Amino acid sequence: MKALEKFLAGLGVMLIAALPLSAQDLHFSQFYNSPLLTNPANTGFIPDGNYRIGVNYRDQWTSIPVPYKTMSAFGDFQLLRDRLEYGWLGVGGVLLRDVAGAGDLTSTKAYGSIAYHQLLGQSSLLSLGFNGGVANKHVDITKLTFGDQWNGQFFDSAIPTAEPIQNNRVNYFDLQVGMNYAYFPTDNIYVNVGASVQHLNHPRETFYNTNNEIARRYIGFLNASIKLNDKVIVNPGGYYSWQTKSTELVLGGNVAYNLSGDGVQQLYGGAYYRAHDAAIFMVGYQLQQLKFNFSYDVTTSSLAVNNGRQGAYEIGIVYTGLYPNRSFGAARRSTICPSF
């Protein structure tokens, strides 16, 4: 029991120590299923539809007493698709909530986004997007203990602490910008590359009386879809982010298999690797416009000794739809990605 108390206390100390510092932002292994968090230029960029809604849930490190839970919901749709001959507008929004650590550090964020998409001839598309929103973070200080509360045998929360915490809640405005380029020379090949910058305005975030600014986070990604035949579509992809000294590189892909002959039912399977951290295995099923994905992170870093390689599981659900009575131009823009 004492070992468990020390473990929980240690997590709390590490959490508070990290609060005024820059760290990697919240993210999902299924970056391809959280488009608005990856890049605001993805708003309204829906290769196989005109609108979509989705939810994501991630439960990380369930084998330890204080797991991390991250949830998001998003929606976006296209505007002016019938009025602009060579482009359209995308609008959308995303909600994000995360609970982490022994002090229940809770992050709640709400963003609205807008993007413009311009066709460049018949085989490429350029997109530029922005989003802005508000963020709130709070921590339950009563659940934390600190180094000066050690009584020689265990951490005692009844002992006063000299930790200089000014408040347990912060709010700030946040701004991001991004750009995408898509290339689709044939009905069987599609490539999409994009880059974005988060925390463009350097918002201040700290529970201490310091002028801590969130460092800008730079994200790049590359996705592709290659239709091999009427049964198989291969979807390779990669994701990279950099924020101060924290980096993340994910490489891999998945394969879609046509179960019904007409593409109404599809089965997905694939694997990704997050460098120096985890192997990610995913399976999925699509019925008409509704896609369900499940992935599991198997820890490959030194943390595997403590968590038994039980990294995280993640669920992504996305519904993609087409507007009724769409014109030929809108239909053409909605099928730029290979499909069965």
Protein backbone atom coordinates (compact mmCIF):
# COMPACT_ATOMS: atom_id res chain seq x y z
CA MET A 1 0.00 0.00 0.00
CA LYS A 2 2.85 2.38 0.81
CA ALA A 3 4.39 1.66 -2.59
CA LEU A 4 1.11 2.59 -4.26
CA GLU A 5 0.88 5.82 -2.26
CA LYS A 6 4.42 6.74 -3.26
CA PHE A 7 3.61 5.99 -6.89
CA LEU A 8 0.51 8.18 -6.88
CA ALA A 9 2.35 10.95 -5.07
CA GLY A 10 5.20 10.74 -7.54
CA LEU A 11 2.80 11.16 -10.42
CA GLY A 12 1.31 14.19 -8.76
CA VAL A 13 4.71 15.77 -8.20
CA MET A 14 5.72 15.14 -11.80
CA LEU A 15 2.45 16.61 -13.02
CA ILE A 16 2.77 19.84 -11.09
CA ALA A 17 6.45 20.14 -11.95
CA ALA A 18 5.57 19.95 -15.62
CA LEU A 19 2.71 22.45 -15.58
CA PRO A 20 4.72 25.62 -16.28
CA LEU A 21 6.81 23.87 -18.95
CA SER A 22 6.17 23.15 -22.61
CA ALA A 23 5.01 19.62 -23.44
CA GLN A 24 3.52 17.73 -26.35
CA ASP A 25 -0.16 18.55 -26.89
CA LEU A 26 -3.05 16.12 -26.72
CA HIS A 27 -3.28 13.86 -29.73
CA PHE A 28 -4.71 10.61 -31.09
CA SER A 29 -2.94 7.65 -32.65
CA GLN A 30 -5.71 7.66 -35.26
CA PHE A 31 -4.60 11.03 -36.65
CA TYR A 32 -6.41 10.19 -39.89
CA ASN A 33 -9.71 10.09 -37.93
CA SER A 34 -9.23 13.44 -36.17
CA PRO A 35 -8.81 15.74 -39.19
CA LEU A 36 -9.68 19.08 -37.60
CA LEU A 37 -7.20 18.53 -34.74
CA THR A 38 -4.46 17.60 -37.20
CA ASN A 39 -4.90 20.56 -39.55
CA PRO A 40 -7.59 23.28 -39.81
CA ALA A 41 -7.21 23.13 -43.62
CA ASN A 42 -8.95 19.74 -43.38
CA THR A 43 -12.18 21.58 -42.58
CA GLY A 44 -14.56 20.76 -45.42
CA PHE A 45 -11.85 18.74 -47.16
CA ILE A 46 -13.86 15.53 -47.47
CA PRO A 47 -12.65 13.45 -50.44
CA ASP A 48 -15.64 11.07 -50.38
CA GLY A 49 -18.45 13.29 -49.11
CA ASN A 50 -19.88 16.76 -48.47
CA TYR A 51 -20.17 16.63 -44.68
CA ARG A 52 -19.00 14.45 -41.79
CA ILE A 53 -19.30 14.07 -38.06
CA GLY A 54 -17.05 12.01 -35.82
CA VAL A 55 -16.05 11.09 -32.28
CA ASN A 56 -12.76 9.84 -30.83
CA TYR A 57 -11.99 8.23 -27.50
CA ARG A 58 -8.57 7.27 -26.13
CA ASP A 59 -7.84 5.46 -22.86
CA GLN A 60 -4.11 5.42 -22.12
CA TRP A 61 -2.10 3.43 -19.56
CA THR A 62 -5.06 1.53 -18.09
CA SER A 63 -2.66 -0.76 -16.23
CA ILE A 64 -1.63 2.00 -13.79
CA PRO A 65 -3.87 3.54 -11.07
CA VAL A 66 -4.37 6.89 -12.84
CA PRO A 67 -4.97 6.38 -16.58
CA TYR A 68 -5.31 9.17 -19.11
CA LYS A 69 -8.62 9.61 -20.96
CA THR A 70 -9.02 11.80 -24.05
CA MET A 71 -12.30 12.44 -25.91
CA SER A 72 -13.24 14.59 -28.89
CA ALA A 73 -16.20 15.26 -31.18
CA PHE A 74 -16.09 17.14 -34.47
CA GLY A 75 -18.18 18.06 -37.46
CA ASP A 76 -17.57 19.90 -40.74
CA PHE A 77 -19.35 20.53 -44.02
CA GLN A 78 -18.94 22.20 -47.38
CA LEU A 79 -20.52 25.52 -48.42
CA LEU A 80 -20.89 27.26 -51.79
CA ARG A 81 -20.10 24.05 -53.64
CA ASP A 82 -22.70 24.87 -56.32
CA ARG A 83 -21.87 28.58 -56.60
CA LEU A 84 -18.10 28.38 -56.96
CA GLU A 85 -17.08 26.51 -60.09
CA TYR A 86 -13.52 25.71 -59.01
CA GLY A 87 -13.65 25.82 -55.23
CA TRP A 88 -15.70 25.71 -52.06
CA LEU A 89 -15.71 26.77 -48.44
CA GLY A 90 -15.49 24.47 -45.41
CA VAL A 91 -16.73 25.29 -41.90
CA GLY A 92 -16.66 23.15 -38.79
CA GLY A 93 -15.91 22.78 -35.13
CA VAL A 94 -14.30 20.42 -32.63
CA LEU A 95 -14.60 19.78 -28.89
CA LEU A 96 -11.75 18.16 -26.95
CA ARG A 97 -11.63 16.95 -23.35
CA ASP A 98 -8.81 15.20 -21.50
CA VAL A 99 -8.43 14.00 -17.91
CA ALA A 100 -4.93 13.01 -16.78
CA GLY A 101 -2.86 12.17 -13.74
CA ALA A 102 -3.36 11.88 -10.02
CA GLY A 103 -4.63 15.48 -9.79
CA ASP A 104 -7.32 14.98 -12.45
CA LEU A 105 -5.74 17.62 -14.68
CA THR A 106 -8.72 18.37 -16.96
CA SER A 107 -8.41 20.11 -20.31
CA THR A 108 -11.48 21.29 -22.21
CA LYS A 109 -11.12 22.98 -25.59
CA ALA A 110 -13.61 24.22 -28.17
CA TYR A 111 -12.55 25.40 -31.63
CA GLY A 112 -14.34 26.75 -34.68
CA SER A 113 -12.62 26.46 -38.05
CA ILE A 114 -12.93 27.68 -41.62
CA ALA A 115 -11.05 26.72 -44.79
CA TYR A 116 -11.09 27.51 -48.49
CA HIS A 117 -10.42 24.82 -51.12
CA GLN A 118 -9.34 25.73 -54.65
CA LEU A 119 -9.15 23.25 -57.52
CA LEU A 120 -5.98 23.58 -59.59
CA GLY A 121 -6.97 22.09 -62.90
CA GLN A 122 -8.57 18.65 -62.95
CA SER A 123 -6.10 16.75 -60.78
CA SER A 124 -5.06 18.81 -57.75
CA LEU A 125 -6.46 20.88 -54.93
CA LEU A 126 -4.99 23.53 -52.61
CA SER A 127 -6.54 24.30 -49.21
CA LEU A 128 -5.90 26.95 -46.56
CA GLY A 129 -7.59 26.92 -43.16
CA PHE A 130 -7.73 28.68 -39.79
CA ASN A 131 -9.27 27.86 -36.45
CA GLY A 132 -9.63 29.65 -33.17
CA GLY A 133 -11.15 28.79 -29.85
CA VAL A 134 -11.00 28.80 -26.09
CA ALA A 135 -9.26 26.40 -23.72
CA ASN A 136 -9.77 25.73 -20.03
CA LYS A 137 -7.52 23.73 -17.71
CA HIS A 138 -8.00 22.95 -14.05
CA VAL A 139 -6.47 20.61 -11.51
CA ASP A 140 -7.71 19.24 -8.17
CA ILE A 141 -4.90 20.29 -5.86
CA THR A 142 -6.42 18.40 -2.92
CA LYS A 143 -5.53 15.13 -4.66
CA LEU A 144 -1.83 16.01 -4.93
CA THR A 145 1.05 15.70 -2.49
CA PHE A 146 4.50 17.29 -2.71
CA GLY A 147 8.03 16.62 -1.59
CA ASP A 148 7.77 18.79 1.52
CA GLN A 149 4.81 16.68 2.75
CA TRP A 150 6.95 13.56 3.29
CA ASN A 151 6.88 12.67 7.00
CA GLY A 152 9.60 10.04 6.84
CA GLN A 153 7.20 7.17 6.15
CA PHE A 154 4.67 8.43 3.62
CA PHE A 155 3.37 11.60 1.96
CA ASP A 156 0.93 13.29 4.35
CA SER A 157 -1.51 15.74 2.76
CA ALA A 158 -2.25 17.20 6.21
CA ILE A 159 1.24 18.77 6.27
CA PRO A 160 1.17 22.31 4.75
CA THR A 161 3.10 22.70 1.50
CA ALA A 162 5.18 25.63 0.33
CA GLU A 163 4.45 24.86 -3.34
CA PRO A 164 3.76 28.31 -4.95
CA ILE A 165 0.52 27.48 -6.76
CA GLN A 166 -1.46 30.65 -7.45
CA ASN A 167 -4.69 29.10 -8.77
CA ASN A 168 -6.05 25.80 -10.00
CA ARG A 169 -7.76 27.04 -13.18
CA VAL A 170 -6.58 28.81 -16.36
CA ASN A 171 -8.37 30.01 -19.51
CA TYR A 172 -6.94 31.26 -22.79
CA PHE A 173 -7.66 31.90 -26.48
CA ASP A 174 -5.86 29.74 -29.04
CA LEU A 175 -5.25 30.11 -32.79
CA GLN A 176 -4.02 27.70 -35.51
CA VAL A 177 -3.36 27.85 -39.27
CA GLY A 178 -2.77 25.14 -41.88
CA MET A 179 -2.36 24.32 -45.57
CA ASN A 180 -3.03 21.16 -47.60
CA TYR A 181 -2.30 19.99 -51.14
CA ALA A 182 -4.04 17.02 -52.76
CA TYR A 183 -3.09 15.31 -56.02
CA PHE A 184 -5.40 12.82 -57.77
CA PRO A 185 -4.14 12.14 -61.32
CA THR A 186 -6.41 9.11 -61.83
CA ASP A 187 -9.42 7.51 -60.17
CA ASN A 188 -7.05 4.99 -58.57
CA ILE A 189 -4.43 7.28 -57.01
CA TYR A 190 -4.80 9.98 -54.39
CA VAL A 191 -2.06 11.77 -52.41
CA ASN A 192 -2.53 14.43 -49.73
CA VAL A 193 0.22 16.36 -47.91
CA GLY A 194 -0.30 19.09 -45.34
CA ALA A 195 1.33 21.25 -42.69
CA SER A 196 -0.04 23.31 -39.82
CA VAL A 197 1.06 25.49 -36.92
CA GLN A 198 -0.77 25.37 -33.60
CA HIS A 199 -0.69 27.96 -30.77
CA LEU A 200 0.08 30.67 -33.32
CA ASN A 201 -0.61 33.41 -30.75
CA HIS A 202 1.61 31.90 -27.98
CA PRO A 203 -1.16 31.70 -25.33
CA ARG A 204 -0.17 31.83 -21.65
CA GLU A 205 -0.82 28.68 -19.61
CA THR A 206 0.34 28.19 -16.02
CA PHE A 207 -0.97 27.53 -12.52
CA TYR A 208 1.98 29.48 -11.10
CA ASN A 209 2.68 33.20 -11.10
CA THR A 210 4.88 32.94 -14.19
CA ASN A 211 4.62 34.15 -17.77
CA ASN A 212 4.67 30.68 -19.30
CA GLU A 213 3.74 30.67 -22.99
CA ILE A 214 2.73 27.55 -24.91
CA ALA A 215 5.30 26.91 -27.60
CA ARG A 216 4.13 26.64 -31.18
CA ARG A 217 3.52 23.12 -32.38
CA TYR A 218 4.37 22.24 -36.00
CA ILE A 219 2.58 19.33 -37.67
CA GLY A 220 3.12 17.67 -41.03
CA PHE A 221 1.32 14.67 -42.54
CA LEU A 222 1.19 12.63 -45.72
CA ASN A 223 -1.70 10.35 -46.71
CA ALA A 224 -2.29 8.34 -49.87
CA SER A 225 -4.87 5.93 -51.28
CA ILE A 226 -4.01 3.48 -54.02
CA LYS A 227 -6.69 1.28 -55.53
CA LEU A 228 -5.09 -2.02 -56.55
CA ASN A 229 -8.29 -3.63 -57.84
CA ASP A 230 -12.02 -3.81 -57.13
CA LYS A 231 -11.31 -5.60 -53.85
CA VAL A 232 -8.34 -3.79 -52.30
CA ILE A 233 -7.37 -0.17 -51.56
CA VAL A 234 -4.07 0.51 -49.77
CA ASN A 235 -3.83 3.60 -47.54
CA PRO A 236 -0.26 4.45 -46.42
CA GLY A 237 0.29 7.45 -44.17
CA GLY A 238 2.68 9.35 -41.96
CA TYR A 239 2.49 12.04 -39.27
CA TYR A 240 5.15 14.21 -37.65
CA SER A 241 4.91 16.90 -34.98
CA TRP A 242 7.48 19.03 -33.22
CA GLN A 243 7.02 21.23 -30.16
CA THR A 244 10.13 22.56 -28.39
CA LYS A 245 12.06 19.38 -27.51
CA SER A 246 9.12 17.00 -27.97
CA THR A 247 8.74 15.20 -31.30
CA GLU A 248 6.42 12.52 -32.60
CA LEU A 249 6.78 10.43 -35.75
CA VAL A 250 4.12 7.92 -36.82
CA LEU A 251 4.45 5.79 -39.95
CA GLY A 252 2.31 2.97 -41.30
CA GLY A 253 -0.84 2.27 -43.22
CA ASN A 254 -4.00 0.24 -43.55
CA VAL A 255 -5.77 -1.80 -46.20
CA ALA A 256 -9.46 -1.62 -47.11
CA TYR A 257 -11.07 -4.83 -48.38
CA ASN A 258 -14.36 -4.75 -50.28
CA LEU A 259 -16.69 -7.26 -48.62
CA SER A 260 -19.86 -6.66 -50.61
CA GLY A 261 -18.65 -6.09 -54.16
CA ASP A 262 -20.23 -2.64 -54.35
CA GLY A 263 -18.23 -1.04 -51.54
CA VAL A 264 -21.18 -0.82 -49.14
CA GLN A 265 -19.32 -3.01 -46.64
CA GLN A 266 -15.58 -2.72 -46.13
CA LEU A 267 -13.11 -4.29 -43.71
CA TYR A 268 -9.97 -2.43 -42.59
CA GLY A 269 -6.75 -3.65 -41.04
CA GLY A 270 -3.37 -2.05 -40.56
CA ALA A 271 -0.39 -1.19 -38.39
CA TYR A 272 1.54 1.96 -37.52
CA TYR A 273 4.66 2.66 -35.50
CA ARG A 274 5.24 5.67 -33.26
CA ALA A 275 9.01 6.04 -33.10
CA HIS A 276 10.59 5.10 -29.76
CA ASP A 277 7.17 4.65 -28.16
CA ALA A 278 4.59 2.16 -29.49
CA ALA A 279 3.42 -0.20 -32.19
CA ILE A 280 -0.17 0.61 -33.18
CA PHE A 281 -2.51 -2.05 -34.56
CA MET A 282 -5.90 -1.13 -35.99
CA VAL A 283 -9.00 -2.84 -37.36
CA GLY A 284 -12.11 -1.23 -38.79
CA TYR A 285 -15.43 -1.81 -40.43
CA GLN A 286 -17.42 0.43 -42.76
CA LEU A 287 -21.11 0.07 -43.56
CA GLN A 288 -22.20 2.56 -46.21
CA GLN A 289 -21.22 6.00 -44.85
CA LEU A 290 -20.44 4.92 -41.26
CA LYS A 291 -16.89 3.86 -40.39
CA PHE A 292 -15.77 2.36 -37.06
CA ASN A 293 -12.05 1.99 -36.18
CA PHE A 294 -10.42 0.39 -33.16
CA SER A 295 -6.68 0.64 -32.47
CA TYR A 296 -4.38 -0.51 -29.70
CA ASP A 297 -0.97 0.92 -28.78
CA VAL A 298 1.55 -1.68 -27.62
CA THR A 299 4.28 0.10 -25.67
CA THR A 300 7.78 -0.51 -27.05
CA SER A 301 9.70 2.06 -24.98
CA SER A 302 11.32 1.50 -21.58
CA LEU A 303 7.92 2.22 -19.99
CA ALA A 304 6.88 -1.30 -21.06
CA VAL A 305 8.60 -2.64 -17.92
CA ASN A 306 6.09 -0.78 -15.75
CA ASN A 307 2.87 -0.99 -17.78
CA GLY A 308 3.22 -4.52 -19.17
CA ARG A 309 3.18 -3.07 -22.74
CA GLN A 310 -0.45 -1.98 -22.19
CA GLY A 311 -0.23 1.42 -23.86
CA ALA A 312 -3.65 2.64 -24.97
CA TYR A 313 -6.78 1.70 -26.83
CA GLU A 314 -8.59 4.09 -29.10
CA ILE A 315 -11.98 4.22 -30.82
CA GLY A 316 -12.84 6.39 -33.82
CA ILE A 317 -16.30 6.66 -35.40
CA VAL A 318 -16.89 8.83 -38.49
CA TYR A 319 -20.03 9.33 -40.55
CA THR A 320 -19.59 10.87 -44.01
CA GLY A 321 -22.56 12.01 -46.07
CA LEU A 322 -23.52 13.54 -49.41
CA TYR A 323 -25.99 16.38 -49.86
CA PRO A 324 -29.20 15.39 -51.65
CA ASN A 325 -29.76 16.60 -55.22
CA ARG A 326 -26.11 17.55 -55.62
CA SER A 327 -24.96 18.83 -58.98
CA PHE A 328 -22.44 17.07 -61.20
CA GLY A 329 -19.73 19.47 -60.07
CA ALA A 330 -20.36 18.69 -56.40
CA ALA A 331 -20.39 14.96 -57.12
CA ARG A 332 -17.03 15.23 -58.92
CA ARG A 333 -15.49 16.96 -55.93
CA SER A 334 -16.90 14.35 -53.58
CA THR A 335 -15.22 11.39 -55.27
CA ILE A 336 -11.61 12.53 -55.72
CA CYS A 337 -10.45 9.67 -53.46
CA PRO A 338 -10.33 6.11 -54.85
CA SER A 339 -13.49 4.15 -54.01
CA PHE A 340 -14.99 0.77 -54.76
